[in-house]
N, C-alpha and C. Protein backbone atom coordinates (compact mmCIF):
# COMPACT_ATOMS: atom_id res chain seq x y z
N VAL A 1 -1.16 1.81 5.98
CA VAL A 1 -2.10 2.32 5.58
C VAL A 1 -2.07 4.06 5.95
N VAL A 2 -2.25 4.91 5.03
CA VAL A 2 -2.38 6.40 5.23
C VAL A 2 -3.74 6.68 5.65
N ARG A 3 -4.41 7.38 6.34
CA ARG A 3 -5.85 7.53 6.57
C ARG A 3 -5.91 9.09 6.50
N LEU A 4 -6.99 9.13 5.74
CA LEU A 4 -7.20 10.73 5.01
C LEU A 4 -8.70 10.87 5.39
N PRO A 5 -8.75 12.37 5.74
CA PRO A 5 -10.64 12.88 5.69
C PRO A 5 -10.88 12.87 4.50
N PRO A 6 -12.55 12.38 4.47
CA PRO A 6 -12.96 12.23 3.53
C PRO A 6 -13.18 13.25 2.33
N HIS A 7 -12.86 14.34 2.42
CA HIS A 7 -12.90 15.84 1.86
C HIS A 7 -11.58 15.44 0.91
N ASP A 8 -10.16 15.16 1.69
CA ASP A 8 -9.02 15.04 1.00
C ASP A 8 -9.49 13.77 0.16
N PHE A 9 -9.96 12.69 0.58
CA PHE A 9 -9.46 11.69 0.01
C PHE A 9 -10.32 11.99 -1.19
N GLU A 10 -11.22 12.32 -1.56
CA GLU A 10 -12.19 12.31 -2.56
C GLU A 10 -11.69 13.62 -3.71
N ARG A 11 -10.89 14.65 -2.95
CA ARG A 11 -10.01 15.73 -3.87
C ARG A 11 -8.83 14.74 -4.80
N ILE A 12 -8.32 13.63 -3.94
CA ILE A 12 -7.12 13.34 -4.89
C ILE A 12 -7.55 12.25 -5.23
N GLY A 13 -9.11 11.66 -5.73
CA GLY A 13 -9.62 10.61 -6.32
C GLY A 13 -8.97 9.28 -6.37
N VAL A 14 -9.27 8.67 -4.94
CA VAL A 14 -8.60 7.41 -5.07
C VAL A 14 -9.74 6.45 -4.20
N SER A 15 -9.96 5.42 -4.23
CA SER A 15 -10.99 4.34 -3.28
C SER A 15 -10.32 3.85 -2.28
N ALA A 16 -11.35 3.66 -1.28
CA ALA A 16 -10.38 2.68 0.01
C ALA A 16 -9.67 1.31 -0.64
N GLY A 17 -8.70 1.53 -0.29
CA GLY A 17 -7.99 -0.06 -0.27
C GLY A 17 -6.83 0.47 -1.46
N ASP A 18 -6.89 1.37 -2.37
CA ASP A 18 -6.03 1.89 -3.42
C ASP A 18 -4.72 2.49 -3.02
N GLU A 19 -3.81 2.24 -3.61
CA GLU A 19 -2.47 2.74 -3.35
C GLU A 19 -2.60 4.31 -3.54
N ALA A 20 -1.78 4.92 -3.06
CA ALA A 20 -1.28 6.57 -3.22
C ALA A 20 0.07 6.57 -3.17
N ARG A 21 0.61 7.57 -3.49
CA ARG A 21 2.44 7.66 -3.28
C ARG A 21 2.38 8.71 -2.29
N VAL A 22 2.94 8.73 -1.15
CA VAL A 22 3.25 9.45 0.26
C VAL A 22 4.47 9.93 -0.18
N THR A 23 4.55 11.43 -0.47
CA THR A 23 5.89 11.76 -0.75
C THR A 23 6.40 13.14 0.52
N SER A 24 7.46 13.13 1.06
CA SER A 24 8.18 13.79 2.22
C SER A 24 9.35 14.47 1.23
N ALA A 25 10.21 15.33 1.74
CA ALA A 25 11.32 15.69 1.33
C ALA A 25 12.12 14.44 1.76
N ARG A 26 11.85 13.42 2.38
CA ARG A 26 13.43 12.36 2.59
C ARG A 26 13.13 11.54 1.59
N THR A 27 11.88 11.07 1.37
CA THR A 27 11.44 9.66 0.51
C THR A 27 9.98 9.85 -0.35
N SER A 28 9.68 8.81 -1.13
CA SER A 28 8.38 8.71 -1.32
C SER A 28 8.31 7.19 -1.75
N MET A 29 6.76 6.43 -1.27
CA MET A 29 6.44 5.09 -1.00
C MET A 29 5.05 5.10 -1.34
N LEU A 30 4.53 3.81 -2.01
CA LEU A 30 2.98 3.66 -1.81
C LEU A 30 2.84 2.87 -1.04
N VAL A 31 1.57 3.56 -0.80
CA VAL A 31 1.05 2.77 0.64
C VAL A 31 -0.72 2.76 0.60
N PRO A 32 -1.47 1.80 1.12
CA PRO A 32 -3.32 1.89 0.59
C PRO A 32 -3.59 3.16 1.42
N VAL A 33 -4.53 3.49 1.11
CA VAL A 33 -5.16 4.25 1.62
C VAL A 33 -6.64 4.20 2.15
N GLN A 34 -6.74 5.00 2.95
CA GLN A 34 -8.42 4.61 3.63
C GLN A 34 -9.20 6.05 3.99
N PRO A 35 -10.15 6.38 4.21
CA PRO A 35 -10.92 7.25 4.93
C PRO A 35 -11.04 7.11 5.99
N SER A 36 -10.79 8.67 6.76
CA SER A 36 -11.10 8.60 8.13
C SER A 36 -11.62 9.63 8.23
N ASP A 37 -13.37 9.85 9.48
CA ASP A 37 -13.30 11.10 9.66
C ASP A 37 -13.25 11.54 10.68
N ARG A 38 -12.04 10.77 11.31
CA ARG A 38 -11.25 11.54 12.63
C ARG A 38 -10.07 12.02 12.26
N VAL A 39 -9.80 12.11 10.97
CA VAL A 39 -8.87 12.92 10.66
C VAL A 39 -9.40 14.09 10.06
N PRO A 40 -8.30 15.70 10.78
CA PRO A 40 -8.70 16.90 10.40
C PRO A 40 -8.39 16.93 8.79
N ARG A 41 -8.95 17.60 8.19
CA ARG A 41 -8.61 18.26 6.67
C ARG A 41 -7.39 18.66 6.79
N GLY A 42 -6.70 18.11 5.65
CA GLY A 42 -5.05 18.46 4.98
C GLY A 42 -4.12 17.56 6.01
N VAL A 43 -4.96 16.85 6.72
CA VAL A 43 -3.76 15.53 7.47
C VAL A 43 -3.85 14.48 6.95
N ALA A 44 -2.45 14.12 7.02
CA ALA A 44 -2.32 12.54 6.68
C ALA A 44 -2.09 11.88 8.25
N LEU A 45 -2.78 10.50 7.98
CA LEU A 45 -2.33 9.66 9.20
C LEU A 45 -1.50 8.58 8.80
N LEU A 46 -0.61 8.53 9.56
CA LEU A 46 0.51 6.82 9.26
C LEU A 46 0.80 6.89 10.48
N HIS A 47 0.30 5.32 11.22
CA HIS A 47 1.07 4.97 12.18
C HIS A 47 2.58 4.14 12.22
N VAL A 48 3.52 4.72 13.33
CA VAL A 48 4.45 4.16 13.19
C VAL A 48 4.59 2.69 13.76
N ASN A 49 5.82 2.08 13.69
CA ASN A 49 6.24 0.98 14.44
C ASN A 49 4.97 -0.31 13.89
N GLN A 50 4.39 -0.30 12.84
CA GLN A 50 3.97 -1.18 12.21
C GLN A 50 4.25 -2.42 11.81
N SER A 51 3.60 -3.33 11.51
CA SER A 51 4.47 -4.74 10.85
C SER A 51 4.35 -3.99 9.37
N GLY A 52 5.57 -4.51 8.91
CA GLY A 52 5.59 -3.96 7.27
C GLY A 52 5.73 -2.32 7.01
N GLY A 53 5.66 -1.68 8.11
CA GLY A 53 5.82 -0.26 7.81
C GLY A 53 7.02 0.45 7.61
N ARG A 54 7.63 1.52 6.61
CA ARG A 54 8.40 1.94 6.80
C ARG A 54 8.67 3.50 6.84
N VAL A 55 7.25 4.25 7.59
CA VAL A 55 7.11 5.35 7.75
C VAL A 55 8.32 6.17 8.07
N ASN A 56 8.70 5.41 8.94
CA ASN A 56 10.72 6.31 9.53
C ASN A 56 10.94 7.41 8.36
N ALA A 57 10.95 6.05 7.34
CA ALA A 57 11.87 6.77 5.88
C ALA A 57 11.12 8.06 5.54
N LEU A 58 10.28 8.46 5.91
CA LEU A 58 9.58 9.73 5.72
C LEU A 58 10.03 11.16 6.53
N ILE A 59 10.08 10.41 7.94
CA ILE A 59 10.43 11.34 8.16
C ILE A 59 11.66 12.20 8.57
N ASP A 60 12.02 13.00 9.09
CA ASP A 60 13.16 14.15 8.98
C ASP A 60 13.22 14.21 10.55
N ALA A 61 13.94 13.54 11.53
CA ALA A 61 13.59 13.89 13.22
C ALA A 61 14.47 15.26 13.30
N LYS A 62 14.94 16.42 12.62
CA LYS A 62 15.17 17.49 12.70
C LYS A 62 13.99 18.63 12.71
N MET A 63 13.00 18.07 12.12
CA MET A 63 11.82 18.75 12.04
C MET A 63 11.16 18.86 12.26
N VAL A 64 10.33 19.89 13.30
CA VAL A 64 9.07 19.58 14.33
C VAL A 64 7.80 19.26 13.38
N VAL A 65 7.74 19.39 12.25
CA VAL A 65 6.16 18.45 11.49
C VAL A 65 6.78 18.52 10.11
N THR A 66 6.19 16.80 9.71
CA THR A 66 6.70 16.38 8.19
C THR A 66 5.58 16.77 7.40
N ASP A 67 6.12 16.81 6.28
CA ASP A 67 5.02 17.76 5.20
C ASP A 67 5.28 16.28 4.10
N VAL A 68 4.12 16.12 3.94
CA VAL A 68 4.11 15.09 2.74
C VAL A 68 3.05 15.58 1.52
N ARG A 69 3.16 15.07 0.61
CA ARG A 69 2.07 15.04 -0.74
C ARG A 69 1.44 13.43 -0.64
N VAL A 70 0.36 13.91 -1.16
CA VAL A 70 -0.19 12.35 -0.97
C VAL A 70 -1.19 12.49 -2.56
N GLU A 71 -0.75 11.73 -3.37
CA GLU A 71 -1.55 11.46 -4.41
C GLU A 71 -1.65 10.25 -4.92
N ARG A 72 -2.75 10.84 -6.29
CA ARG A 72 -2.35 8.77 -7.14
C ARG A 72 -0.95 8.89 -7.79
N PRO A 73 -0.76 7.47 -7.69
CA PRO A 73 0.58 6.88 -8.20
C PRO A 73 0.38 7.24 -9.86
């Protein structure tokens, strides 16, 4: 699950539980989205080491920050 702040969630135009495409420089994947008022604007929160998770495929270990784009598929 990717958690997004309500402002960004609304801007993308998805509903809770919908799938969104998360794209990094390495790959893209479809994941369910959930709004969270605990996530700052412009940030997407994905937990690692979760059952069925593949978040590590998005991450480039050489980079300090992994930029991602979240959009409707």
